[in-house]
Structures are given as C-alpha cells and as structure tokens.
Amino acid sequence: MGNKTRGQKIGILTAGGDCPGINAAIRGVGKTAIVRYGMQVIGISDGYTGLINKEFRELDENDLSGILTLGGTILGTSREKPFKNSGKGKNDLRKPALIKEHYEQMGLDCLVCIGGNGTLKTAYLLSQEGLNVVGIPKTIDNDVWGTDVTFGFDSAVNIATEAIDRLHSTANSHKRIMIIELMGHNAGWLALYSGIAGGGDVILIPEIPHDEKKISAYLQERIRGNKPYSIVVVAEGIKTPGSECSAAQYLSRRIAELSGIETRETVLGYIQRGGTPSPMDRILASRYGAAAAELIAKREYGKMVALRNNQIIPVPLADVAGKLKLVEPDSSLVLKARNMGTSFGD
C-alpha cells in the first residue's frame, strides 16, 4: 500500500427510501477506508439535505461496530433532489452550488452516495459539477440499471414471501381469493420473485399489461378444477383505470364483481423495507462498500459499484443515470412461471 491514499477524506451519505443493508454498506465503506487505506471518514446526515445544510460528523471504527445487522441507516436519509426543477428558480439553482461549496469546505476527496435511481442520478449530476463521486446501488425494487442485483432486494423478497406464505392458510380456510400488494412502481421484480417463491397463482407486474376479465376467468377455472382458493400477487405500479384506491383494493372489488368469488386484499406497505437485512444482503452490501473504498483508493471516480456474474465491477455513473432495469416480459423466469401454470393476467 502506497502513501498516496493516506490522508484522503471521504464523505458518505444515504439517500432515498430506507432498506435493509444500508448500515452494512456504510460499515463496508468505512471499515475498509479506515483499516486498509488509513482514510478519514465523514458521515453526512439525511442524504443530500446534510450536504446542503452542512450537517456531518466524523465516523471512527467504534461508530461502525455493531451496525451490520441493523435496519435503517445510522446517517438518516431524505428524498431531497437538489437538481429538481433546476433553472426554474434561484432557490433551486442554489442547492447544487451549496453542495459543491460545502464539499470543498469540508475538504472531501470523494463523496460516496448510497441509494437508488434518484440518488445515483444526482450523484452523476454532482460528478458533472466537478465533485469526485462513487455510487453504491440500493433499493428493494432491484431496478437500478447496470447491476444484476441491488442490496435490500433479497431481504424484501424474504419478507414478502413470508407474508404470502401466511395468506395461503387463511385463503384455504375461507376458500377466498387473497390479493397481496407489494412495492414496485415501475418494476415488478419484487412481485415476480416473491410471487414465484410464495406460490402465487396470479402475478401482476407493471411490465405486463393485464386484462381483468382474463384474470377472473382464470380464477373461476381454478375453482372448477377443485382449487378452491387463489393467491394474487400485485405490484403497486400496475395500471388501474383512474382509480384513487390502491391496486389491490381496485382489483379486489373488480374480481369480486366479475367472478362472484369472495375476495380480500392486503397491502404490505412499509413492512417490506424494515428490519434486519438478510445474510445475503449483508454480504452484498459489505462487498459493495469495500469495493467503493477500493475505487476511491485508486482514484477511480464517477463510477458505481455493480454486481455482474458474481463479480463486483465499476460502471460509469453516466451509463446508469436516468435508466431503469425492468422485467423483460419474455424473460426466462416469466416463461418458466407460465409453464408451471402461473397467470400474468394477459
């Protein structure tokens, strides 16, 4: 190890929605930076808001002990998007300038941004403003482009699958259709994976348009086939015509109307984001964090760490910003589920 990494000062922030594994990633960055490279680590409070307001504290090894298994984020988070509506008002234009000013005042050599699509897009825009930035992808939606998987996803699949497992017994006891709504505005990864893992009979995701009449006919056919109950797994982002209620509530009402079968809905909500990360997410977040510190040591900025074929590689933030990784309707996983009799409502 050369002396060129000694004395580097890095900031870490976590932005966007919380998810299991963020603290493991903070720990991975911080411990690698301190132990391996002798860097100084600064924790920035509440995402980009902390950079705007200059709220931060130094993190030492003690601060990073005991956080591997914790849910949430010890740094706090926010959904502040400093470049949003930039150019429409002086206040909006001031935020990126404040971030740059405070970055320089804090003497940072690099900023580590842990977050999903919005966070990583902001990270890219900051790199265009001259800041040294490294990104780490996290989201339970698994929709960050450029990486095979984001941490937080595995934990959320485990939580959602357990919920589906529990609904089977109730649905069977009462001979009902049970609809469970999971997170996923644009991408159906969580509904797809937990739906398959939990034995969902119908899986509805934003990427595959559905037909309510076909769903109803499929569920009625199951009853005629001596299958008295069904589980319908729904991503929150599926299209429902002008409905103000949740996707699950709308579908519950429509399926009951079309089929005459007793139907109940459950919206799992923020439970999917909370609690301790799964072992796989702890490992992935730790790998990402360590790899981010290694990039900084090599002064490879403007990159996001990504998982490809079980290898951690750097991907340019320019390639990631503004893109979504969506489920391909004809992907092998969807086709295999169809071959086992799962309906996607089309």
Protein backbone atom coordinates (compact mmCIF):
# COMPACT_ATOMS: atom_id res chain seq x y z
CA MET A 1 0.00 0.00 0.00
CA GLY A 2 1.44 3.32 -1.06
CA ASN A 3 1.18 6.53 0.89
CA LYS A 4 -0.87 8.25 -1.80
CA THR A 5 -4.17 7.09 -0.20
CA ARG A 6 -3.13 8.23 3.27
CA GLY A 7 -4.93 11.35 4.34
CA GLN A 8 -7.78 11.00 1.86
CA LYS A 9 -11.01 12.30 3.34
CA ILE A 10 -14.27 10.80 2.15
CA GLY A 11 -17.91 11.58 2.86
CA ILE A 12 -20.72 9.01 2.97
CA LEU A 13 -24.42 9.75 2.59
CA THR A 14 -27.53 7.61 2.27
CA ALA A 15 -30.48 8.99 0.33
CA GLY A 16 -33.94 7.95 -0.86
CA GLY A 17 -36.06 5.27 0.77
CA ASP A 18 -34.53 3.19 3.53
CA CYS A 19 -33.97 -0.53 3.06
CA PRO A 20 -32.21 -3.38 4.85
CA GLY A 21 -28.43 -3.41 4.33
CA ILE A 22 -27.63 0.30 4.25
CA ASN A 23 -25.72 0.14 7.52
CA ALA A 24 -23.80 -2.87 6.26
CA ALA A 25 -22.76 -0.80 3.24
CA ILE A 26 -21.74 2.16 5.42
CA ARG A 27 -19.69 -0.25 7.51
CA GLY A 28 -18.12 -1.81 4.41
CA VAL A 29 -17.01 1.56 3.08
CA GLY A 30 -15.91 2.96 6.42
CA LYS A 31 -14.01 -0.01 7.81
CA THR A 32 -12.18 -0.63 4.52
CA ALA A 33 -11.34 3.06 4.18
CA ILE A 34 -10.03 3.33 7.76
CA VAL A 35 -8.42 -0.08 8.30
CA ARG A 36 -6.99 -0.77 4.84
CA TYR A 37 -6.32 2.70 3.50
CA GLY A 38 -5.99 4.99 6.53
CA MET A 39 -8.62 7.40 5.24
CA GLN A 40 -10.73 9.83 7.26
CA VAL A 41 -14.44 9.08 7.02
CA ILE A 42 -17.19 11.68 7.35
CA GLY A 43 -20.84 10.68 7.81
CA ILE A 44 -23.25 13.17 6.22
CA SER A 45 -26.71 13.44 7.79
CA ASP A 46 -30.00 12.89 5.98
CA GLY A 47 -28.86 12.42 2.40
CA TYR A 48 -28.25 15.43 0.18
CA THR A 49 -30.01 17.61 2.76
CA GLY A 50 -26.99 17.16 5.01
CA LEU A 51 -24.67 18.49 2.31
CA ILE A 52 -26.96 21.46 1.69
CA ASN A 53 -27.15 22.25 5.44
CA LYS A 54 -23.57 21.18 6.17
CA GLU A 55 -24.56 18.61 8.81
CA PHE A 56 -21.94 15.91 9.32
CA ARG A 57 -19.72 14.11 11.82
CA GLU A 58 -16.56 12.06 11.64
CA LEU A 59 -17.01 8.29 11.84
CA ASP A 60 -14.41 6.09 13.53
CA GLU A 61 -14.25 2.32 13.89
CA ASN A 62 -16.34 2.39 17.06
CA ASP A 63 -19.15 4.14 15.20
CA LEU A 64 -19.12 1.32 12.66
CA SER A 65 -19.20 -1.51 15.21
CA GLY A 66 -22.48 -3.30 15.84
CA ILE A 67 -24.32 -1.83 12.85
CA LEU A 68 -24.00 -4.73 10.40
CA THR A 69 -27.33 -6.28 11.42
CA LEU A 70 -29.28 -3.05 11.92
CA GLY A 71 -32.08 -1.98 9.59
CA GLY A 72 -32.49 1.64 8.51
CA THR A 73 -29.48 3.96 8.32
CA ILE A 74 -27.38 5.43 11.14
CA LEU A 75 -26.85 8.52 8.97
CA GLY A 76 -30.52 9.20 8.30
CA THR A 77 -31.97 9.76 4.85
CA SER A 78 -34.15 12.12 2.83
CA ARG A 79 -35.63 12.36 -0.63
CA GLU A 80 -34.00 15.72 -1.35
CA LYS A 81 -33.28 16.10 -5.08
CA PRO A 82 -31.09 19.21 -5.34
CA PHE A 83 -31.24 19.38 -9.14
CA LYS A 84 -35.01 19.01 -9.38
CA ASN A 85 -36.60 21.93 -11.26
CA SER A 86 -33.15 23.45 -11.57
CA GLY A 87 -33.35 26.55 -13.73
CA LYS A 88 -36.90 27.49 -12.73
CA GLY A 89 -35.96 29.46 -9.63
CA LYS A 90 -32.99 30.89 -7.77
CA ASN A 91 -33.55 28.66 -4.74
CA ASP A 92 -33.31 25.52 -6.88
CA LEU A 93 -30.14 26.73 -8.56
CA ARG A 94 -28.58 27.44 -5.20
CA LYS A 95 -28.74 23.88 -3.85
CA PRO A 96 -26.13 22.30 -6.15
CA ALA A 97 -23.89 25.33 -5.57
CA LEU A 98 -24.24 24.91 -1.80
CA ILE A 99 -23.39 21.23 -2.05
CA LYS A 100 -20.26 22.00 -4.06
CA GLU A 101 -19.28 24.79 -1.67
CA HIS A 102 -19.71 22.62 1.43
CA TYR A 103 -17.95 19.65 -0.20
CA GLU A 104 -14.92 21.89 -0.72
CA GLN A 105 -15.16 23.47 2.74
CA MET A 106 -15.24 20.01 4.33
CA GLY A 107 -12.09 19.12 2.39
CA LEU A 108 -13.57 15.97 0.87
CA ASP A 109 -11.61 13.99 -1.69
CA CYS A 110 -14.65 11.91 -2.64
CA LEU A 111 -18.34 11.50 -1.83
CA VAL A 112 -19.91 8.04 -1.54
CA CYS A 113 -23.62 8.12 -2.41
CA ILE A 114 -25.65 5.09 -1.31
CA GLY A 115 -29.08 4.99 -2.91
CA GLY A 116 -31.39 4.05 -5.75
CA ASN A 117 -32.12 5.61 -9.11
CA GLY A 118 -32.79 9.16 -7.93
CA THR A 119 -29.75 9.18 -5.65
CA LEU A 120 -27.47 7.85 -8.38
CA LYS A 121 -28.77 10.33 -10.94
CA THR A 122 -27.99 13.17 -8.51
CA ALA A 123 -24.57 11.60 -7.90
CA TYR A 124 -23.90 11.70 -11.64
CA LEU A 125 -25.01 15.33 -11.90
CA LEU A 126 -22.71 16.23 -9.00
CA SER A 127 -19.84 14.50 -10.77
CA GLN A 128 -20.61 16.70 -13.78
CA GLU A 129 -20.24 19.68 -11.44
CA GLY A 130 -16.70 18.58 -10.63
CA LEU A 131 -17.20 16.54 -7.46
CA ASN A 132 -15.47 13.18 -7.07
CA VAL A 133 -18.30 10.69 -6.55
CA VAL A 134 -18.70 6.92 -6.15
CA GLY A 135 -22.16 5.32 -6.10
CA ILE A 136 -23.49 2.22 -4.33
CA PRO A 137 -26.82 0.80 -5.59
CA LYS A 138 -29.53 0.04 -3.03
CA THR A 139 -33.25 -0.47 -3.40
CA ILE A 140 -35.79 -3.17 -2.61
CA ASP A 141 -37.17 -2.63 -6.14
CA ASN A 142 -34.00 -4.05 -7.77
CA ASP A 143 -34.47 -1.61 -10.67
CA VAL A 144 -31.04 0.10 -10.83
CA TRP A 145 -29.59 -0.29 -14.29
CA GLY A 146 -26.14 -1.82 -14.68
CA THR A 147 -26.12 -4.29 -11.77
CA ASP A 148 -27.54 -7.79 -11.53
CA VAL A 149 -28.99 -7.08 -8.10
CA THR A 150 -29.21 -4.31 -5.52
CA PHE A 151 -28.90 -4.92 -1.80
CA GLY A 152 -32.22 -4.65 0.02
CA PHE A 153 -33.95 -6.76 -2.62
CA ASP A 154 -33.23 -10.15 -1.06
CA SER A 155 -34.48 -9.02 2.37
CA ALA A 156 -37.67 -7.62 0.84
CA VAL A 157 -38.28 -10.84 -1.10
CA ASN A 158 -37.93 -12.80 2.14
CA ILE A 159 -40.40 -10.53 3.94
CA ALA A 160 -42.93 -10.55 1.09
CA THR A 161 -42.67 -14.32 0.62
CA GLU A 162 -43.34 -14.93 4.31
CA ALA A 163 -46.44 -12.73 4.05
CA ILE A 164 -47.67 -14.71 1.04
CA ASP A 165 -47.00 -17.99 2.88
CA ARG A 166 -49.19 -16.81 5.74
CA LEU A 167 -52.02 -15.83 3.38
CA HIS A 168 -52.22 -19.36 1.96
CA SER A 169 -53.62 -20.80 5.17
CA THR A 170 -56.25 -18.07 5.53
CA ALA A 171 -57.24 -18.28 1.86
CA ASN A 172 -57.56 -22.05 2.08
CA SER A 173 -59.58 -21.94 5.32
CA HIS A 174 -62.13 -19.50 3.91
CA LYS A 175 -61.99 -20.55 0.23
CA ARG A 176 -61.23 -17.00 -0.80
CA ILE A 177 -59.15 -15.13 -3.30
CA MET A 178 -56.45 -13.27 -1.42
CA ILE A 179 -54.75 -10.32 -3.13
CA ILE A 180 -51.47 -9.03 -1.74
CA GLU A 181 -49.98 -5.76 -2.97
CA LEU A 182 -46.21 -5.32 -2.90
CA MET A 183 -43.96 -2.36 -3.66
CA GLY A 184 -42.78 -1.64 -7.19
CA HIS A 185 -43.94 1.50 -9.03
CA ASN A 186 -42.26 0.81 -12.35
CA ALA A 187 -40.50 -2.53 -11.92
CA GLY A 188 -42.09 -5.84 -10.95
CA TRP A 189 -39.01 -7.65 -9.65
CA LEU A 190 -40.25 -7.90 -6.07
CA ALA A 191 -43.72 -9.15 -7.04
CA LEU A 192 -42.22 -11.58 -9.57
CA TYR A 193 -39.66 -13.15 -7.24
CA SER A 194 -41.81 -13.31 -4.11
CA GLY A 195 -44.83 -14.37 -6.17
CA ILE A 196 -42.92 -17.35 -7.56
CA ALA A 197 -41.30 -18.13 -4.19
CA GLY A 198 -44.66 -17.92 -2.40
CA GLY A 199 -46.63 -19.91 -4.95
CA GLY A 200 -48.73 -17.05 -6.25
CA ASP A 201 -51.38 -18.20 -8.74
CA VAL A 202 -51.57 -14.81 -10.42
CA ILE A 203 -48.67 -12.35 -10.58
CA LEU A 204 -49.34 -8.86 -11.92
CA ILE A 205 -46.40 -6.56 -12.70
CA PRO A 206 -46.21 -3.15 -14.43
CA GLU A 207 -44.24 -4.55 -17.38
CA ILE A 208 -47.00 -6.95 -18.48
CA PRO A 209 -50.42 -5.38 -19.24
CA HIS A 210 -53.26 -7.35 -17.66
CA ASP A 211 -56.90 -7.98 -18.51
CA GLU A 212 -59.33 -8.12 -15.58
CA LYS A 213 -61.71 -10.43 -17.43
CA LYS A 214 -58.91 -12.90 -18.21
CA ILE A 215 -57.85 -12.87 -14.56
CA SER A 216 -61.44 -13.53 -13.46
CA ALA A 217 -61.83 -16.35 -15.98
CA TYR A 218 -58.57 -17.92 -14.81
CA LEU A 219 -59.65 -17.80 -11.16
CA GLN A 220 -63.06 -19.30 -11.98
CA GLU A 221 -61.34 -22.09 -13.92
CA ARG A 222 -59.24 -22.87 -10.84
CA ILE A 223 -62.41 -23.31 -8.76
CA ARG A 224 -63.87 -25.63 -11.40
CA GLY A 225 -60.61 -27.57 -11.22
CA ASN A 226 -61.15 -28.20 -7.50
CA LYS A 227 -58.74 -25.47 -6.40
CA PRO A 228 -60.97 -23.54 -4.00
CA TYR A 229 -58.66 -20.63 -3.23
CA SER A 230 -56.14 -18.46 -5.08
CA ILE A 231 -53.33 -16.06 -4.25
CA VAL A 232 -52.92 -12.95 -6.42
CA VAL A 233 -49.62 -11.07 -6.06
CA VAL A 234 -49.73 -7.48 -7.33
CA ALA A 235 -47.07 -4.81 -7.79
CA GLU A 236 -48.34 -1.41 -6.65
CA GLY A 237 -47.50 0.17 -10.02
CA ILE A 238 -49.81 -1.88 -12.24
CA LYS A 239 -52.21 0.23 -14.28
CA THR A 240 -55.72 0.58 -12.92
CA PRO A 241 -58.21 2.85 -14.73
CA GLY A 242 -58.47 6.18 -12.90
CA SER A 243 -58.72 4.52 -9.51
CA GLU A 244 -57.95 6.51 -6.36
CA CYS A 245 -57.67 3.40 -4.19
CA SER A 246 -54.72 1.02 -4.12
CA ALA A 247 -54.17 -1.51 -6.89
CA ALA A 248 -55.13 -4.35 -4.54
CA GLN A 249 -58.34 -2.64 -3.43
CA TYR A 250 -59.36 -1.93 -7.02
CA LEU A 251 -58.66 -5.49 -8.15
CA SER A 252 -60.41 -6.99 -5.15
CA ARG A 253 -63.58 -5.12 -6.00
CA ARG A 254 -63.40 -5.88 -9.73
CA ILE A 255 -62.62 -9.58 -9.35
CA ALA A 256 -65.48 -9.99 -6.88
CA GLU A 257 -67.80 -8.23 -9.36
CA LEU A 258 -66.67 -10.28 -12.35
CA SER A 259 -66.32 -13.70 -10.72
CA GLY A 260 -68.67 -13.64 -7.74
CA ILE A 261 -65.89 -15.16 -5.61
CA GLU A 262 -65.24 -13.79 -2.13
CA THR A 263 -62.10 -11.66 -2.33
CA ARG A 264 -59.90 -9.93 0.25
CA GLU A 265 -56.86 -7.68 -0.14
CA THR A 266 -53.72 -6.96 1.88
CA VAL A 267 -51.32 -4.06 1.25
CA LEU A 268 -47.99 -4.99 2.80
CA GLY A 269 -46.59 -1.44 2.66
CA TYR A 270 -43.53 -0.28 4.57
CA ILE A 271 -43.09 -3.60 6.36
CA GLN A 272 -41.16 -4.63 3.23
CA ARG A 273 -38.45 -2.06 3.97
CA GLY A 274 -37.88 -2.54 7.67
CA GLY A 275 -35.95 -4.83 9.94
CA THR A 276 -32.64 -6.62 9.87
CA PRO A 277 -31.06 -7.41 6.48
CA SER A 278 -30.84 -10.97 5.24
CA PRO A 279 -27.42 -12.65 5.30
CA MET A 280 -27.18 -12.31 1.50
CA ASP A 281 -27.88 -8.57 1.70
CA ARG A 282 -25.30 -8.14 4.46
CA ILE A 283 -22.70 -9.83 2.29
CA LEU A 284 -23.62 -7.92 -0.89
CA ALA A 285 -23.73 -4.55 0.89
CA SER A 286 -20.37 -5.29 2.52
CA ARG A 287 -18.87 -6.23 -0.85
CA TYR A 288 -20.21 -3.06 -2.43
CA GLY A 289 -18.90 -0.92 0.42
CA ALA A 290 -15.41 -2.44 0.33
CA ALA A 291 -15.29 -2.10 -3.46
CA ALA A 292 -16.31 1.57 -3.24
CA ALA A 293 -13.40 2.27 -0.87
CA GLU A 294 -11.05 0.46 -3.23
CA LEU A 295 -12.20 2.64 -6.15
CA ILE A 296 -11.54 5.76 -4.09
CA ALA A 297 -8.07 4.49 -3.17
CA LYS A 298 -7.36 4.09 -6.90
CA ARG A 299 -8.96 7.49 -7.57
CA GLU A 300 -11.50 5.97 -9.91
CA TYR A 301 -14.35 8.44 -9.55
CA GLY A 302 -17.63 8.89 -11.37
CA LYS A 303 -18.38 5.17 -11.04
CA MET A 304 -20.99 2.95 -9.41
CA VAL A 305 -20.04 -0.44 -7.97
CA ALA A 306 -22.12 -3.20 -9.56
CA LEU A 307 -22.58 -6.95 -9.39
CA ARG A 308 -22.11 -8.76 -12.70
CA ASN A 309 -21.82 -12.56 -12.83
CA ASN A 310 -20.98 -12.55 -9.10
CA GLN A 311 -18.08 -10.15 -9.65
CA ILE A 312 -18.03 -6.57 -8.31
CA ILE A 313 -17.13 -4.20 -11.14
CA PRO A 314 -17.20 -0.41 -11.65
CA VAL A 315 -19.83 1.01 -14.01
CA PRO A 316 -19.78 4.67 -15.15
CA LEU A 317 -22.47 6.73 -13.45
CA ALA A 318 -23.09 8.27 -16.86
CA ASP A 319 -24.35 4.87 -18.05
CA VAL A 320 -26.61 4.40 -15.02
CA ALA A 321 -28.23 7.84 -14.59
CA GLY A 322 -31.81 8.12 -15.73
CA LYS A 323 -32.22 4.43 -16.63
CA LEU A 324 -34.39 1.72 -15.10
CA LYS A 325 -33.83 -2.03 -15.11
CA LEU A 326 -37.24 -3.55 -15.78
CA VAL A 327 -38.51 -7.11 -16.03
CA GLU A 328 -38.48 -8.37 -19.62
CA PRO A 329 -41.96 -9.82 -20.31
CA ASP A 330 -40.40 -12.75 -22.19
CA SER A 331 -37.61 -13.38 -19.68
CA SER A 332 -36.77 -16.97 -18.78
CA LEU A 333 -38.14 -16.59 -15.25
CA VAL A 334 -41.50 -15.33 -16.50
CA LEU A 335 -41.66 -18.11 -19.10
CA LYS A 336 -40.85 -20.79 -16.50
CA ALA A 337 -43.58 -19.43 -14.22
CA ARG A 338 -46.05 -19.52 -17.11
CA ASN A 339 -45.06 -23.11 -17.86
CA MET A 340 -45.97 -24.04 -14.29
CA GLY A 341 -49.43 -22.54 -14.73
CA THR A 342 -48.92 -19.09 -13.23
CA SER A 343 -51.09 -16.39 -14.81
CA PHE A 344 -49.73 -12.92 -15.55
CA GLY A 345 -53.18 -11.61 -16.35
CA ASP A 346 -52.62 -11.34 -20.09
